[in-house]
Amino acid sequence: MKSNFVRTMGLLMLLLGSSTGFIVINSLSQDVQPKASPTSQQKLVGTVQAIDGRTVTLTVPDSNVRVTIPDGVHIVRIQPGQKDLESASAIDIHDVQPGDRMLVRVEPGSRPDSVVASAVMVMTRTDLQTKHQHDREDWQKRGVGGLVSAVDPAAGTVSIVAGSLANKQTTIIRISKDTVVRRYAPDSVKFDEARPSTLAEIHSGDQLRARGTRTPAGNEFMADEVISGSFRNIAGVITSVDATGGTIGVLDSMTRNPVVVKVTGDSELRKLPPEMAQRIGARLSGTPTAASGYPARGTQEPGARPAASPPFEVRRNGGRDLQQMLQRLPAVNLHGLQKGDSVMLVSTQGTNSGQVTAITLLAGVEPILAAVSKGGEPMTLSPWSLGQGGGDEGSQ
């Protein structure tokens, strides 16, 4: 019985294109073009929305597709990260649940919005959540990040810079043929929608994170996985709020140009309490605050015991402290934002120069922007706070 199952699984692996199918569904980043002919895309990847008999409604970017699974077509359950089908298990259509991730081999001749499957692979929502949690922890333990300062395709290296203006650190990321390279999709705020990429797509000024092992020398990093993206950090004043349309207008204080910011269900909106904003602004400008009771940088008496770090201390170590702070703040929505509020946000670069999609937006930042305008240390938000697959900042 087992030998027959293994042979069946081997056939299914060939049908799905060998290990390519596993890489696609594991990364959850396959570019799906539902409006194109399924005969040209061959594979369809999405999230199960509903099941009706042997018809599954699959959610793919910007569309829903009906997938008919004929009797006799095998459905197998695989684990995230699985590279072969040795431990795959056959399941019934009744075992498939909304929220599961599904890869479908499409029969030629199917319509774009209604396809017929010749083979199906499934990752359950529970398995994905477990894998995501493990990945997040691993990115925190073995992750580095920063702004790309140089790319050397011939040497297979990327140099990134992190740290404060006075203490910048450069790390050389070494990318091998085995390194998984991904890149944020245009106008997407989801880590999970990052698509397979190459070293050639990484450019100076991009933000990059790598997961792997730091060399004993400390300034080089052997990457197992790399994800990069071109993001915009915007700071300015809200000029309009359209809660119905899900957008706000912001006057970019750097370029003095108006920007339309799209806020989606995946965007993270937070607001600093006034006291906390004052503490951060004072910290960035290097001045003490009566509210915090902590001395300014460099003002302690010689030989004195270092003071304890204030709550949510802002250190430029890749944004970890700031990201931890943001996660503890209560979320707000567009109704909590008003014309005239100052905001900082990180967004996708976008395909429309006049509109961006917010990844993280922080309101209540007037003291921070005031400190920066007076020569204080600049502060930007990190784009890695979202997503299940490693979006948290790790230690440098």
Protein backbone atom coordinates (compact mmCIF):
# COMPACT_ATOMS: atom_id res chain seq x y z
CA MET A 1 0.00 0.00 0.00
CA LYS A 2 2.77 2.41 0.95
CA SER A 3 4.72 1.70 -2.24
CA ASN A 4 1.63 2.55 -4.31
CA PHE A 5 1.17 5.77 -2.38
CA VAL A 6 4.82 6.73 -2.85
CA ARG A 7 4.53 6.06 -6.59
CA THR A 8 1.38 8.18 -6.70
CA MET A 9 3.13 10.97 -4.83
CA GLY A 10 6.07 10.75 -7.20
CA LEU A 11 3.73 11.15 -10.15
CA LEU A 12 2.06 14.11 -8.47
CA MET A 13 5.45 15.70 -7.92
CA LEU A 14 6.15 15.45 -11.62
CA LEU A 15 2.75 16.90 -12.43
CA LEU A 16 3.39 19.86 -10.16
CA GLY A 17 6.83 20.51 -11.52
CA SER A 18 9.09 18.79 -8.97
CA SER A 19 10.38 20.92 -6.10
CA THR A 20 9.34 24.18 -7.79
CA GLY A 21 5.83 23.71 -6.49
CA PHE A 22 7.06 23.39 -2.93
CA ILE A 23 9.18 26.50 -3.14
CA VAL A 24 6.25 28.45 -4.51
CA ILE A 25 3.72 27.40 -1.92
CA ASN A 26 6.19 27.52 0.94
CA SER A 27 7.22 31.10 0.21
CA LEU A 28 3.59 32.04 -0.36
CA SER A 29 4.86 34.50 -2.90
CA GLN A 30 4.02 33.13 -6.33
CA ASP A 31 2.94 35.89 -8.69
CA VAL A 32 -0.57 34.90 -9.75
CA GLN A 33 -2.19 36.59 -12.71
CA PRO A 34 -5.82 35.46 -12.51
CA LYS A 35 -6.82 37.47 -15.56
CA ALA A 36 -4.33 35.63 -17.74
CA SER A 37 -5.10 32.28 -19.31
CA PRO A 38 -4.54 29.46 -16.79
CA THR A 39 -3.04 27.41 -19.61
CA SER A 40 -0.11 29.82 -19.66
CA GLN A 41 0.33 30.12 -15.89
CA GLN A 42 -0.09 26.32 -15.31
CA LYS A 43 -0.12 26.71 -11.53
CA LEU A 44 -2.49 28.67 -9.30
CA VAL A 45 -1.68 29.58 -5.69
CA GLY A 46 -4.11 31.11 -3.24
CA THR A 47 -6.01 30.92 0.03
CA VAL A 48 -9.13 28.80 0.39
CA GLN A 49 -12.14 31.06 0.86
CA ALA A 50 -15.01 28.55 0.67
CA ILE A 51 -15.74 24.90 -0.23
CA ASP A 52 -18.90 23.68 -1.95
CA GLY A 53 -18.76 19.98 -2.69
CA ARG A 54 -15.67 19.53 -4.85
CA THR A 55 -15.55 23.20 -5.86
CA VAL A 56 -13.19 25.48 -3.97
CA THR A 57 -13.24 29.28 -4.08
CA LEU A 58 -9.61 30.34 -4.05
CA THR A 59 -8.58 33.91 -3.20
CA VAL A 60 -5.65 35.15 -5.28
CA PRO A 61 -4.42 38.76 -5.56
CA ASP A 62 -7.31 41.02 -6.62
CA SER A 63 -9.62 38.15 -7.54
CA ASN A 64 -11.44 34.97 -6.56
CA VAL A 65 -11.17 31.85 -8.71
CA ARG A 66 -13.47 28.83 -8.65
CA VAL A 67 -11.47 25.61 -8.69
CA THR A 68 -13.25 22.38 -9.60
CA ILE A 69 -11.50 19.25 -8.33
CA PRO A 70 -12.80 16.24 -10.33
CA ASP A 71 -13.26 12.84 -8.74
CA GLY A 72 -10.00 10.92 -8.90
CA VAL A 73 -7.76 13.99 -8.67
CA HIS A 74 -5.37 13.55 -5.75
CA ILE A 75 -5.23 16.10 -2.91
CA VAL A 76 -2.17 15.94 -0.68
CA ARG A 77 -1.26 17.75 2.51
CA ILE A 78 2.34 18.92 2.83
CA GLN A 79 4.22 20.73 5.56
CA PRO A 80 5.59 24.24 5.02
CA GLY A 81 9.20 24.01 3.91
CA GLN A 82 8.84 20.41 2.77
CA LYS A 83 11.12 19.73 -0.21
CA ASP A 84 9.83 16.32 -1.27
CA LEU A 85 6.69 14.21 -1.01
CA GLU A 86 8.06 11.40 1.17
CA SER A 87 6.08 12.59 4.19
CA ALA A 88 3.11 13.97 2.25
CA SER A 89 -0.29 12.50 3.12
CA ALA A 90 -3.37 12.03 1.00
CA ILE A 91 -6.43 13.92 2.25
CA ASP A 92 -10.06 14.22 1.23
CA ILE A 93 -11.78 17.38 0.04
CA HIS A 94 -13.68 17.39 3.34
CA ASP A 95 -10.34 17.88 5.16
CA VAL A 96 -9.75 21.19 3.37
CA GLN A 97 -10.76 24.25 5.42
CA PRO A 98 -11.08 28.00 4.74
CA GLY A 99 -7.76 29.68 5.40
CA ASP A 100 -5.71 26.78 4.05
CA ARG A 101 -3.15 27.54 1.36
CA MET A 102 -3.59 25.66 -1.91
CA LEU A 103 -1.51 25.09 -5.02
CA VAL A 104 -3.42 23.84 -8.05
CA ARG A 105 -2.15 22.39 -11.30
CA VAL A 106 -4.58 23.77 -13.88
CA GLU A 107 -6.08 21.75 -16.72
CA PRO A 108 -5.49 23.30 -20.15
CA GLY A 109 -8.51 25.09 -21.55
CA SER A 110 -9.87 26.32 -18.21
CA ARG A 111 -11.49 29.75 -18.04
CA PRO A 112 -9.60 32.47 -16.10
CA ASP A 113 -12.22 32.70 -13.34
CA SER A 114 -13.15 29.00 -13.22
CA VAL A 115 -10.44 26.38 -13.55
CA VAL A 116 -10.29 22.61 -13.42
CA ALA A 117 -7.57 21.04 -11.30
CA SER A 118 -5.41 18.11 -12.36
CA ALA A 119 -3.49 17.97 -9.06
CA VAL A 120 -3.77 19.77 -5.72
CA MET A 121 -1.40 20.43 -2.82
CA VAL A 122 -2.59 21.91 0.49
CA MET A 123 -0.92 23.51 3.48
CA THR A 124 -3.30 23.83 6.41
CA ARG A 125 -3.79 27.14 8.16
CA THR A 126 -2.62 25.58 11.45
CA ASP A 127 0.60 24.25 9.89
CA LEU A 128 1.27 27.65 8.31
CA GLN A 129 0.72 29.51 11.58
CA THR A 130 3.15 27.18 13.36
CA LYS A 131 5.75 27.64 10.62
CA HIS A 132 5.23 31.42 10.61
CA GLN A 133 5.81 31.64 14.35
CA HIS A 134 9.00 29.60 14.05
CA ASP A 135 10.21 31.78 11.19
CA ARG A 136 9.49 35.00 13.08
CA GLU A 137 11.56 33.76 16.02
CA ASP A 138 14.37 32.69 13.70
CA TRP A 139 14.41 36.07 11.93
CA GLN A 140 14.72 37.71 15.33
CA LYS A 141 17.58 35.44 16.42
CA ARG A 142 19.52 35.25 13.15
CA GLY A 143 18.50 38.40 11.30
CA VAL A 144 20.31 41.55 10.24
CA GLY A 145 18.96 44.51 8.33
CA GLY A 146 19.71 47.94 7.00
CA LEU A 147 19.88 50.20 3.98
CA VAL A 148 21.68 48.89 0.91
CA SER A 149 24.80 50.97 0.25
CA ALA A 150 26.43 48.88 -2.49
CA VAL A 151 25.78 45.79 -4.62
CA ASP A 152 28.53 43.68 -6.21
CA PRO A 153 26.89 41.08 -8.49
CA ALA A 154 30.23 39.59 -9.53
CA ALA A 155 31.20 38.88 -5.92
CA GLY A 156 27.64 38.00 -4.90
CA THR A 157 27.61 40.54 -2.08
CA VAL A 158 25.39 43.34 -0.81
CA SER A 159 26.62 45.94 1.67
CA ILE A 160 24.08 47.28 4.14
CA VAL A 161 24.39 50.13 6.62
CA ALA A 162 22.67 50.31 10.00
CA GLY A 163 23.13 52.32 13.15
CA SER A 164 23.09 55.96 14.13
CA LEU A 165 24.75 58.80 12.27
CA ALA A 166 27.62 58.71 14.75
CA ASN A 167 27.93 54.94 14.85
CA LYS A 168 27.11 53.53 11.44
CA GLN A 169 27.97 49.88 10.90
CA THR A 170 28.45 48.25 7.52
CA THR A 171 27.74 44.57 7.05
CA ILE A 172 28.56 42.61 3.92
CA ILE A 173 25.81 40.13 3.03
CA ARG A 174 27.12 37.17 1.06
CA ILE A 175 24.55 35.59 -1.25
CA SER A 176 25.20 32.10 -2.63
CA LYS A 177 23.37 29.97 -5.16
CA ASP A 178 21.48 28.39 -2.25
CA THR A 179 20.29 31.70 -0.78
CA VAL A 180 16.56 32.28 -1.11
CA VAL A 181 16.12 35.80 -2.49
CA ARG A 182 12.73 37.52 -2.38
CA ARG A 183 11.43 41.02 -2.97
CA TYR A 184 8.32 42.91 -1.92
CA ALA A 185 5.78 43.10 -4.72
CA PRO A 186 4.82 46.59 -5.97
CA ASP A 187 1.91 48.10 -4.00
CA SER A 188 1.89 45.14 -1.59
CA VAL A 189 2.29 45.58 2.15
CA LYS A 190 2.44 41.86 2.90
CA PHE A 191 5.65 40.05 3.71
CA ASP A 192 3.93 36.84 2.59
CA GLU A 193 3.36 38.22 -0.90
CA ALA A 194 7.05 38.87 -1.51
CA ARG A 195 7.98 37.23 -4.80
CA PRO A 196 11.07 35.26 -5.88
CA SER A 197 13.80 37.63 -6.91
CA THR A 198 17.49 37.88 -7.82
CA LEU A 199 20.53 39.83 -6.74
CA ALA A 200 20.17 41.95 -9.87
CA GLU A 201 16.94 43.49 -8.51
CA ILE A 202 18.59 44.80 -5.34
CA HIS A 203 19.67 48.44 -5.60
CA SER A 204 21.42 51.02 -3.48
CA GLY A 205 18.88 52.71 -1.21
CA ASP A 206 16.71 49.62 -0.84
CA GLN A 207 15.92 48.22 2.58
CA LEU A 208 17.11 44.67 3.06
CA ARG A 209 16.92 41.97 5.69
CA ALA A 210 18.87 38.75 5.73
CA ARG A 211 18.62 35.62 7.81
CA GLY A 212 21.69 33.48 8.29
CA THR A 213 25.00 33.35 10.16
CA ARG A 214 27.45 36.12 10.99
CA THR A 215 31.10 35.28 10.35
CA PRO A 216 33.62 35.33 13.25
CA ALA A 217 35.05 38.60 11.90
CA GLY A 218 31.65 40.17 12.56
CA ASN A 219 31.39 42.34 9.46
CA GLU A 220 30.22 39.63 7.06
CA PHE A 221 27.01 37.64 7.03
CA MET A 222 26.33 34.37 5.19
CA ALA A 223 22.70 34.61 4.10
CA ASP A 224 20.27 31.71 3.99
CA GLU A 225 17.45 34.04 2.98
CA VAL A 226 17.24 37.64 1.83
CA ILE A 227 14.25 39.90 1.33
CA SER A 228 14.50 43.41 -0.06
CA GLY A 229 12.19 46.18 -1.08
CA SER A 230 12.03 49.74 -2.28
CA PHE A 231 10.11 51.74 0.30
CA ARG A 232 9.30 55.36 0.97
CA ASN A 233 9.63 56.97 4.37
CA ILE A 234 7.33 59.97 4.51
CA ALA A 235 6.85 62.55 7.25
CA GLY A 236 4.41 65.39 7.02
CA VAL A 237 1.04 66.88 7.87
CA ILE A 238 -2.34 65.37 7.04
CA THR A 239 -4.23 67.58 4.60
CA SER A 240 -7.35 65.43 4.21
CA VAL A 241 -8.95 62.25 5.53
CA ASP A 242 -11.31 60.08 3.46
CA ALA A 243 -12.41 57.32 5.80
CA THR A 244 -14.91 55.99 3.26
CA GLY A 245 -12.37 55.72 0.48
CA GLY A 246 -9.62 54.56 2.82
CA THR A 247 -7.14 57.31 1.96
CA ILE A 248 -5.49 60.31 3.56
CA GLY A 249 -3.68 63.22 1.96
CA VAL A 250 -0.24 64.08 3.34
CA LEU A 251 2.01 67.01 2.49
CA ASP A 252 5.50 65.48 2.42
CA SER A 253 7.70 67.79 4.50
CA MET A 254 10.81 66.72 2.58
CA THR A 255 9.63 67.16 -1.00
CA ARG A 256 6.76 69.59 -0.24
CA ASN A 257 4.65 67.51 -2.61
CA PRO A 258 1.19 66.14 -1.78
CA VAL A 259 0.89 62.36 -1.47
CA VAL A 260 -2.25 60.23 -1.40
CA VAL A 261 -1.80 57.43 1.15
CA LYS A 262 -3.95 54.33 0.72
CA VAL A 263 -4.78 52.58 4.00
CA THR A 264 -5.79 48.92 3.72
CA GLY A 265 -6.78 46.26 6.20
CA ASP A 266 -3.13 45.19 6.28
CA SER A 267 -1.81 48.65 7.12
CA GLU A 268 -0.72 49.21 10.71
CA LEU A 269 -1.91 52.50 12.24
CA ARG A 270 -0.68 53.61 15.67
CA LYS A 271 -0.70 56.86 17.64
CA LEU A 272 1.84 57.98 20.22
CA PRO A 273 0.56 59.36 23.53
CA PRO A 274 1.79 62.96 23.99
CA GLU A 275 4.09 62.13 26.93
CA MET A 276 5.78 59.32 25.03
CA ALA A 277 6.22 61.49 21.94
CA GLN A 278 7.87 64.17 24.10
CA ARG A 279 10.29 61.62 25.57
CA ILE A 280 11.27 60.30 22.15
CA GLY A 281 11.69 63.81 20.74
CA ALA A 282 13.92 64.75 23.68
CA ARG A 283 15.93 61.59 23.26
CA LEU A 284 16.52 62.26 19.57
CA SER A 285 17.58 65.85 20.24
CA GLY A 286 19.82 64.84 23.15
CA THR A 287 18.07 67.00 25.72
CA PRO A 288 16.66 65.92 29.11
CA THR A 289 12.97 66.03 29.86
CA ALA A 290 11.35 66.68 33.20
CA ALA A 291 8.74 64.06 32.47
CA SER A 292 11.23 61.25 31.97
CA GLY A 293 13.81 62.19 34.58
CA TYR A 294 16.58 60.74 32.42
CA PRO A 295 19.69 62.78 31.64
CA ALA A 296 20.64 63.84 28.16
CA ARG A 297 23.27 61.89 26.32
CA GLY A 298 26.74 62.77 27.54
CA THR A 299 25.55 64.81 30.56
CA GLN A 300 26.20 62.22 33.30
CA GLU A 301 28.92 62.91 35.83
CA PRO A 302 32.24 61.12 35.12
CA GLY A 303 32.39 57.81 36.93
CA ALA A 304 28.70 57.83 37.72
CA ARG A 305 26.77 54.60 37.33
CA PRO A 306 24.92 54.59 33.99
CA ALA A 307 21.26 55.42 34.35
CA ALA A 308 18.70 52.80 33.49
CA SER A 309 17.31 53.04 29.99
CA PRO A 310 14.02 54.93 29.81
CA PRO A 311 10.93 53.04 28.68
CA PHE A 312 10.92 52.43 24.92
CA GLU A 313 14.36 53.98 24.52
CA VAL A 314 14.97 54.87 20.89
CA ARG A 315 18.29 53.46 19.76
CA ARG A 316 19.23 53.28 16.10
CA ASN A 317 20.01 49.56 16.10
CA GLY A 318 17.84 48.64 13.16
CA GLY A 319 14.59 49.80 14.68
CA ARG A 320 14.10 46.99 17.15
CA ASP A 321 13.23 49.22 20.11
CA LEU A 322 10.88 51.36 18.04
CA GLN A 323 9.17 48.31 16.58
CA GLN A 324 8.69 46.82 20.04
CA MET A 325 7.20 50.11 21.15
CA LEU A 326 4.82 50.23 18.20
CA GLN A 327 3.54 46.74 18.90
CA ARG A 328 2.54 47.84 22.41
CA LEU A 329 0.63 50.90 21.27
CA PRO A 330 -3.13 50.66 20.72
CA ALA A 331 -4.20 50.58 17.08
CA VAL A 332 -6.19 53.45 15.60
CA ASN A 333 -8.24 53.81 12.43
CA LEU A 334 -8.80 56.59 9.94
CA HIS A 335 -11.54 58.06 12.10
CA GLY A 336 -8.86 58.69 14.75
CA LEU A 337 -6.83 60.87 12.38
CA GLN A 338 -7.58 64.52 11.67
CA LYS A 339 -6.51 67.18 9.23
CA GLY A 340 -3.45 68.96 10.65
CA ASP A 341 -2.06 65.90 12.47
CA SER A 342 1.61 65.15 11.90
CA VAL A 343 2.42 61.61 10.82
CA MET A 344 5.37 59.42 9.93
CA LEU A 345 4.84 56.46 7.66
CA VAL A 346 6.65 53.83 5.68
CA SER A 347 5.00 52.73 2.47
CA THR A 348 5.51 50.71 -0.63
CA GLN A 349 7.23 52.59 -3.42
CA GLY A 350 4.17 51.92 -5.54
CA THR A 351 3.60 52.09 -9.27
CA ASN A 352 1.82 55.46 -9.04
CA SER A 353 4.14 58.28 -7.97
CA GLY A 354 1.24 60.24 -6.50
CA GLN A 355 -0.16 57.41 -4.37
CA VAL A 356 1.40 54.97 -1.94
CA THR A 357 0.07 52.18 0.26
CA ALA A 358 0.84 52.50 3.96
CA ILE A 359 2.65 49.65 5.68
CA THR A 360 3.03 51.40 9.04
CA LEU A 361 1.69 54.85 9.96
CA LEU A 362 2.47 56.59 13.24
CA ALA A 363 0.52 59.66 14.35
CA GLY A 364 1.15 62.01 17.26
CA VAL A 365 4.75 62.60 16.17
CA GLU A 366 4.91 66.42 16.34
CA PRO A 367 7.71 66.47 18.98
CA ILE A 368 9.74 63.96 16.96
CA LEU A 369 9.54 65.96 13.74
CA ALA A 370 10.33 69.14 15.66
CA ALA A 371 13.48 67.53 17.09
CA VAL A 372 14.61 66.36 13.67
CA SER A 373 13.99 69.77 12.11
CA LYS A 374 16.31 71.29 14.75
CA GLY A 375 19.15 68.95 13.88
CA GLY A 376 18.22 65.98 16.04
CA GLU A 377 19.00 62.42 15.04
CA PRO A 378 16.59 61.34 12.27
CA MET A 379 14.23 58.45 12.84
CA THR A 380 12.41 56.33 10.29
CA LEU A 381 9.96 53.50 10.58
CA SER A 382 10.79 49.96 9.56
CA PRO A 383 8.77 48.16 6.87
CA TRP A 384 9.28 44.77 8.48
CA SER A 385 6.63 44.98 11.19
CA LEU A 386 3.96 43.26 9.14
CA GLY A 387 3.60 39.78 7.76
CA GLN A 388 3.76 36.35 9.29
CA GLY A 389 6.93 35.12 7.77
CA GLY A 390 9.63 37.14 9.43
CA GLY A 391 8.67 40.72 9.41
CA ASP A 392 9.95 41.50 12.89
CA GLU A 393 13.20 43.22 13.38
CA GLY A 394 15.96 41.14 14.84
CA SER A 395 19.01 42.16 16.71
CA GLN A 396 21.91 43.45 14.77
